[in-house]
N, C-alpha and C. Protein backbone atom coordinates (compact mmCIF):
# COMPACT_ATOMS: atom_id res chain seq x y z
N MET A 1 0.77 -1.01 -0.01
CA MET A 1 0.34 -0.14 -0.14
C MET A 1 1.04 1.14 0.26
N ASP A 2 0.74 2.06 -0.93
CA ASP A 2 1.48 3.24 -0.79
C ASP A 2 0.77 4.49 -0.12
N THR A 3 1.67 5.28 0.46
CA THR A 3 1.41 6.02 1.59
C THR A 3 1.85 7.56 1.46
N ASN A 4 1.20 8.73 1.74
CA ASN A 4 1.58 9.80 1.46
C ASN A 4 1.95 10.26 2.73
N THR A 5 3.16 11.16 2.72
CA THR A 5 3.16 11.60 3.97
C THR A 5 3.25 13.10 3.53
N ASN A 6 2.47 13.62 4.15
CA ASN A 6 2.38 15.51 3.95
C ASN A 6 3.16 16.03 4.99
N THR A 7 4.15 16.58 5.22
CA THR A 7 5.22 16.95 6.28
C THR A 7 4.95 18.38 6.29
N SER A 8 4.19 19.17 5.36
CA SER A 8 4.27 20.62 5.90
C SER A 8 2.82 20.60 6.22
N ASP A 9 2.13 21.84 6.78
CA ASP A 9 0.71 21.79 7.56
C ASP A 9 -0.11 20.96 6.22
N ALA A 10 -0.99 20.08 7.03
CA ALA A 10 -1.78 19.62 6.43
C ALA A 10 -3.06 20.41 5.76
N ASN A 11 -3.37 21.61 6.19
CA ASN A 11 -4.17 22.52 5.66
C ASN A 11 -3.39 23.47 5.58
N PRO A 12 -3.12 23.82 4.31
CA PRO A 12 -2.72 25.29 4.11
C PRO A 12 -3.17 26.17 4.33
N THR A 13 -2.54 27.61 5.05
CA THR A 13 -3.00 28.83 5.17
C THR A 13 -3.95 29.39 4.07
N GLN A 14 -4.57 30.39 4.23
CA GLN A 14 -5.35 30.90 2.78
C GLN A 14 -4.27 31.61 2.17
N GLU A 15 -3.07 32.26 2.92
CA GLU A 15 -1.96 32.76 2.09
C GLU A 15 -1.45 32.01 1.43
N GLU A 16 -1.38 30.72 1.49
CA GLU A 16 -0.47 29.87 0.85
C GLU A 16 -1.07 29.55 -0.42
N LEU A 17 -2.70 29.44 -0.40
CA LEU A 17 -3.24 28.86 -1.79
C LEU A 17 -3.74 30.39 -2.51
N ASP A 18 -3.70 31.45 -1.87
CA ASP A 18 -3.95 32.69 -2.64
C ASP A 18 -2.89 33.03 -3.59
N PRO A 19 -3.17 33.02 -4.95
CA PRO A 19 -2.18 33.27 -5.84
C PRO A 19 -1.64 34.82 -5.85
N THR A 20 -2.39 35.79 -5.12
CA THR A 20 -1.70 37.02 -4.98
C THR A 20 -0.79 37.32 -3.63
N SER A 21 -0.87 36.05 -2.69
CA SER A 21 -0.19 36.32 -1.35
C SER A 21 1.26 36.52 -1.48
N ASP A 22 1.73 37.05 -0.53
CA ASP A 22 3.35 37.49 -0.39
C ASP A 22 4.31 36.27 -0.60
N GLU A 23 3.77 35.03 -0.53
CA GLU A 23 4.59 33.99 -0.67
C GLU A 23 4.66 33.38 -2.07
N GLN A 24 3.38 33.64 -2.53
CA GLN A 24 3.11 33.43 -4.08
C GLN A 24 4.38 34.19 -4.79
N MET A 25 4.23 35.41 -4.53
CA MET A 25 4.89 36.65 -5.33
C MET A 25 6.44 36.47 -4.93
N LYS A 26 6.95 36.07 -3.71
CA LYS A 26 8.06 35.87 -3.52
C LYS A 26 8.58 34.46 -4.32
N LEU A 27 7.63 33.56 -4.64
CA LEU A 27 8.63 32.50 -5.14
C LEU A 27 8.45 32.96 -6.78
N TYR A 28 7.54 33.64 -7.31
CA TYR A 28 7.51 34.28 -8.57
C TYR A 28 8.82 35.29 -9.03
N MET A 29 9.02 35.92 -7.86
CA MET A 29 10.46 36.64 -7.81
C MET A 29 11.46 36.08 -8.06
N GLU A 30 11.69 34.98 -6.81
CA GLU A 30 12.56 33.97 -6.98
C GLU A 30 13.02 33.57 -8.52
N GLN A 31 11.74 32.97 -8.94
CA GLN A 31 11.86 32.80 -10.69
C GLN A 31 12.44 33.45 -11.35
N GLN A 32 11.90 34.43 -11.37
CA GLN A 32 12.39 35.60 -12.43
C GLN A 32 13.60 35.54 -12.30
N LYS A 33 14.36 36.27 -10.92
CA LYS A 33 15.74 36.49 -10.68
C LYS A 33 16.54 35.23 -11.06
N ALA A 34 15.94 34.16 -10.82
CA ALA A 34 17.05 33.07 -11.74
C ALA A 34 17.00 33.20 -12.85
N GLU A 35 16.20 33.65 -13.63
CA GLU A 35 16.24 33.69 -15.04
C GLU A 35 17.06 34.67 -15.57
N GLU A 36 16.72 36.05 -14.66
CA GLU A 36 17.70 36.99 -15.14
C GLU A 36 19.40 36.70 -14.84
N GLU A 37 19.53 36.00 -13.94
CA GLU A 37 20.82 35.48 -13.62
C GLU A 37 21.32 34.46 -14.68
N GLY A 38 20.46 33.88 -15.24
CA GLY A 38 20.98 32.69 -16.49
C GLY A 38 20.90 31.49 -15.45
N ARG A 39 20.29 31.37 -14.08
CA ARG A 39 20.50 29.99 -13.40
C ARG A 39 19.26 29.07 -13.82
N ALA A 40 19.14 27.96 -13.24
CA ALA A 40 18.05 27.25 -13.31
C ALA A 40 16.98 27.55 -12.39
N SER A 41 15.70 27.08 -12.92
CA SER A 41 14.64 27.25 -12.31
C SER A 41 14.73 26.86 -11.05
N LEU A 42 13.94 27.22 -9.79
CA LEU A 42 13.71 26.43 -8.72
C LEU A 42 13.53 25.06 -8.67
N THR A 43 12.54 24.69 -9.86
CA THR A 43 12.19 23.17 -9.68
C THR A 43 13.74 22.63 -10.42
N GLU A 44 14.21 23.07 -11.35
CA GLU A 44 15.64 22.50 -11.91
C GLU A 44 16.68 22.54 -10.42
N GLU A 45 17.00 23.34 -10.05
CA GLU A 45 17.92 23.28 -8.68
C GLU A 45 17.44 22.59 -7.66
N TRP A 46 15.92 22.34 -7.36
CA TRP A 46 15.98 21.49 -6.28
C TRP A 46 15.86 19.97 -7.08
N THR A 47 15.81 19.74 -8.22
CA THR A 47 15.94 18.41 -8.95
C THR A 47 17.52 17.96 -8.84
N GLU A 48 18.24 18.75 -9.18
CA GLU A 48 19.76 18.65 -8.68
C GLU A 48 20.22 18.19 -7.41
N ARG A 49 19.38 19.20 -6.46
CA ARG A 49 19.60 18.68 -5.19
C ARG A 49 19.10 17.39 -4.56
N LEU A 50 18.10 16.93 -4.94
CA LEU A 50 17.43 15.94 -4.31
C LEU A 50 17.38 14.37 -5.23
N VAL A 51 17.22 14.50 -6.55
CA VAL A 51 16.91 13.70 -7.15
C VAL A 51 18.09 12.23 -6.97
N GLY A 52 18.08 11.03 -6.87
CA GLY A 52 18.92 10.23 -6.39
C GLY A 52 19.14 9.86 -4.95
N LYS A 53 19.09 11.05 -4.34
CA LYS A 53 19.53 10.90 -2.60
C LYS A 53 18.35 10.17 -2.06
N LYS A 54 18.62 9.57 -0.72
CA LYS A 54 17.64 8.95 0.10
C LYS A 54 17.13 9.37 0.91
N TYR A 55 15.87 9.65 1.01
CA TYR A 55 14.96 10.14 2.17
C TYR A 55 14.78 9.61 3.41
N ILE A 56 15.47 10.50 4.36
CA ILE A 56 15.54 9.89 5.58
C ILE A 56 14.43 10.46 6.61
N GLU A 57 13.36 9.49 6.86
CA GLU A 57 12.09 9.86 7.42
C GLU A 57 12.24 9.70 9.02
N PRO A 58 12.00 10.91 9.59
CA PRO A 58 12.16 10.91 11.20
C PRO A 58 11.09 10.03 11.81
N LYS A 59 11.95 9.52 12.89
CA LYS A 59 10.96 8.70 13.86
C LYS A 59 9.97 9.31 14.46
N GLU A 60 8.68 8.38 14.63
CA GLU A 60 7.73 9.47 15.14
C GLU A 60 8.03 9.99 16.65
N GLY A 61 7.57 11.17 16.75
CA GLY A 61 7.99 12.05 17.83
C GLY A 61 9.46 12.44 17.76
N GLU A 62 10.20 12.10 16.99
CA GLU A 62 11.37 12.82 16.75
C GLU A 62 11.63 13.82 15.97
N GLU A 63 12.59 14.86 15.87
CA GLU A 63 12.79 15.67 14.66
C GLU A 63 14.04 15.18 13.93
N ALA A 64 13.64 15.91 12.85
CA ALA A 64 14.31 15.15 11.58
C ALA A 64 15.64 15.97 11.76
N PRO A 65 16.56 14.97 11.14
CA PRO A 65 18.02 15.52 11.44
C PRO A 65 18.30 16.53 10.52
N ALA A 66 19.20 17.49 10.93
CA ALA A 66 19.76 18.16 9.53
C ALA A 66 20.66 17.96 8.57
N ILE A 67 20.36 17.85 7.46
CA ILE A 67 21.44 17.31 6.54
C ILE A 67 21.76 18.01 5.38
N ALA A 68 23.00 18.48 5.34
CA ALA A 68 23.33 19.19 4.57
C ALA A 68 23.09 18.75 3.07
N LEU A 69 22.47 19.51 1.85
CA LEU A 69 22.05 18.67 0.93
C LEU A 69 23.47 18.55 -0.04
N ASP A 70 24.58 19.57 0.03
CA ASP A 70 25.69 19.75 -0.54
C ASP A 70 26.56 18.67 -0.32
N GLU A 71 26.50 18.10 0.89
CA GLU A 71 27.60 17.20 1.41
C GLU A 71 26.99 15.65 1.33
N GLY A 72 26.10 15.33 1.45
CA GLY A 72 25.43 13.75 1.71
C GLY A 72 24.83 13.21 0.43
N SER A 73 24.62 12.01 0.73
CA SER A 73 23.87 11.14 -0.45
C SER A 73 22.12 11.00 0.05
N SER A 74 21.74 11.84 1.32
CA SER A 74 20.46 11.84 1.68
C SER A 74 20.14 12.98 2.07
N PHE A 75 18.53 13.01 2.52
CA PHE A 75 18.02 14.65 2.84
C PHE A 75 17.10 13.98 3.96
N SER A 76 16.44 15.08 4.70
CA SER A 76 15.59 14.96 5.48
C SER A 76 14.51 15.95 5.53
N ASN A 77 13.11 15.88 6.36
CA ASN A 77 12.40 17.12 6.44
C ASN A 77 13.20 18.69 6.45
N ALA A 78 14.28 18.38 7.44
CA ALA A 78 14.64 19.88 7.83
C ALA A 78 15.65 20.08 6.57
N SER A 79 15.96 19.34 5.50
CA SER A 79 16.53 19.97 4.37
C SER A 79 15.76 20.66 3.61
N LEU A 80 14.55 20.59 3.45
CA LEU A 80 13.48 21.16 2.55
C LEU A 80 13.21 22.36 3.01
N ARG A 81 12.53 23.38 1.84
CA ARG A 81 12.03 24.53 2.20
C ARG A 81 10.70 24.34 2.46
N LYS A 82 9.99 25.40 3.26
CA LYS A 82 8.77 25.13 3.46
C LYS A 82 7.93 26.21 2.59
N PRO A 83 6.79 25.60 2.21
CA PRO A 83 5.96 24.49 2.73
C PRO A 83 6.03 23.62 1.62
N TYR A 84 6.44 22.27 1.99
CA TYR A 84 6.57 20.91 1.25
C TYR A 84 5.77 19.94 1.50
N ARG A 85 5.75 18.73 0.71
CA ARG A 85 5.18 17.45 1.34
C ARG A 85 6.24 16.52 0.52
N VAL A 86 6.32 15.29 1.14
CA VAL A 86 7.02 14.27 0.38
C VAL A 86 5.74 13.14 0.23
N LEU A 87 6.14 12.67 -1.06
CA LEU A 87 4.90 11.65 -1.55
C LEU A 87 5.55 10.26 -1.83
N LYS A 88 5.28 9.48 -0.84
CA LYS A 88 5.99 8.13 -0.89
C LYS A 88 5.09 7.10 -2.04
N GLY A 89 5.85 6.32 -2.91
CA GLY A 89 5.55 5.65 -3.76
C GLY A 89 5.11 5.94 -5.13
N GLU A 90 5.06 5.42 -6.02
CA GLU A 90 4.79 5.64 -7.45
C GLU A 90 3.20 6.22 -7.55
N HIS A 91 2.11 5.70 -6.54
CA HIS A 91 1.10 5.77 -6.66
C HIS A 91 0.52 6.59 -5.50
N ALA A 92 1.50 7.39 -4.97
CA ALA A 92 0.92 8.09 -3.81
C ALA A 92 -0.30 9.22 -4.13
N MET A 93 -1.15 9.05 -3.33
CA MET A 93 -2.41 10.12 -3.16
C MET A 93 -2.00 11.32 -2.59
N MET A 94 -2.58 12.38 -3.10
CA MET A 94 -2.13 13.31 -2.52
C MET A 94 -3.50 14.79 -2.80
N THR A 95 -3.78 15.61 -1.80
CA THR A 95 -4.72 16.43 -1.77
C THR A 95 -4.59 17.43 -3.11
N MET A 96 -5.76 17.78 -3.56
CA MET A 96 -5.67 18.55 -4.93
C MET A 96 -5.66 20.10 -4.85
N ASP A 97 -5.56 20.60 -3.52
CA ASP A 97 -5.22 21.92 -3.33
C ASP A 97 -4.08 22.62 -3.96
N TYR A 98 -3.88 23.77 -4.55
CA TYR A 98 -2.83 24.11 -5.19
C TYR A 98 -2.20 25.12 -4.29
N CYS A 99 -0.74 24.98 -4.36
CA CYS A 99 -0.38 25.78 -3.67
C CYS A 99 1.33 25.83 -4.57
N ALA A 100 1.20 27.01 -5.31
CA ALA A 100 2.57 27.02 -6.11
C ALA A 100 3.81 27.12 -5.44
N THR A 101 3.94 27.69 -4.03
CA THR A 101 5.02 28.05 -3.24
C THR A 101 5.47 26.22 -2.54
N ARG A 102 4.50 25.25 -2.72
CA ARG A 102 4.85 24.21 -2.00
C ARG A 102 5.48 23.04 -3.01
N LEU A 103 6.68 22.77 -2.28
CA LEU A 103 7.86 21.79 -2.99
C LEU A 103 7.21 20.44 -2.49
N ASN A 104 6.92 19.73 -3.83
CA ASN A 104 6.49 18.22 -3.60
C ASN A 104 7.75 17.49 -3.98
N VAL A 105 7.83 16.72 -3.09
CA VAL A 105 9.05 15.35 -3.40
C VAL A 105 8.70 14.32 -3.59
N ARG A 106 8.68 13.47 -4.67
CA ARG A 106 8.50 12.16 -4.90
C ARG A 106 9.68 11.14 -4.31
N VAL A 107 9.39 10.17 -3.64
CA VAL A 107 10.05 9.38 -3.64
C VAL A 107 9.59 7.81 -3.70
N ASP A 108 10.77 7.15 -4.18
CA ASP A 108 9.99 5.44 -4.55
C ASP A 108 9.89 4.64 -3.08
N ASP A 109 9.45 3.33 -3.52
CA ASP A 109 9.35 2.64 -2.35
C ASP A 109 10.59 2.10 -1.18
N GLU A 110 11.71 2.27 -1.86
CA GLU A 110 13.10 2.54 -0.88
C GLU A 110 13.35 3.71 -0.32
N GLY A 111 12.88 4.94 -0.76
CA GLY A 111 13.19 6.01 -0.24
C GLY A 111 14.08 6.96 -1.21
N LEU A 112 14.42 6.72 -2.31
CA LEU A 112 15.20 7.22 -3.38
C LEU A 112 14.17 8.50 -4.05
N CYS A 113 14.77 9.48 -4.03
CA CYS A 113 13.93 10.51 -4.64
C CYS A 113 14.14 10.45 -6.16
N THR A 114 12.49 10.62 -6.57
CA THR A 114 12.40 10.18 -8.10
C THR A 114 12.20 11.59 -9.28
N GLY A 115 11.71 12.41 -8.24
CA GLY A 115 11.32 14.01 -8.85
C GLY A 115 11.03 14.79 -7.78
N VAL A 116 10.99 16.12 -8.32
CA VAL A 116 10.20 17.35 -7.55
C VAL A 116 9.57 18.19 -8.50
N PHE A 117 8.37 18.34 -7.79
CA PHE A 117 7.75 19.82 -8.40
C PHE A 117 6.94 20.66 -7.68
N PHE A 118 6.55 21.87 -8.05
CA PHE A 118 5.75 22.73 -7.32
C PHE A 118 4.35 22.85 -7.30
N ALA A 119 3.82 22.59 -6.65
CA ALA A 119 2.21 22.70 -6.62
C ALA A 119 1.63 22.49 -5.27
């Protein structure tokens, strides 16, 4: 059975959902700045940082270990930008609410990151 681990707020705030919110504008400005500087988009940047790395899920009641993305072959919740959610398994279910600033991380059954997207 595939499971979905939503590690950000289960219920996004209205600000996160509102496309005119400060967070939405902040993400848009980050994307624009990256394009102007000739850098990769945020999706490309996070893909480079995470794909192929092992997701270390915190044990219940414990805090996620801080893992520097540039140094290791694994990552944890503490390594991710907020808001985020981790989708485990090929057929992981997720809510249909749209939040353009939310980083979605797909991991396979072994915990390896297979892709990232914002929504």
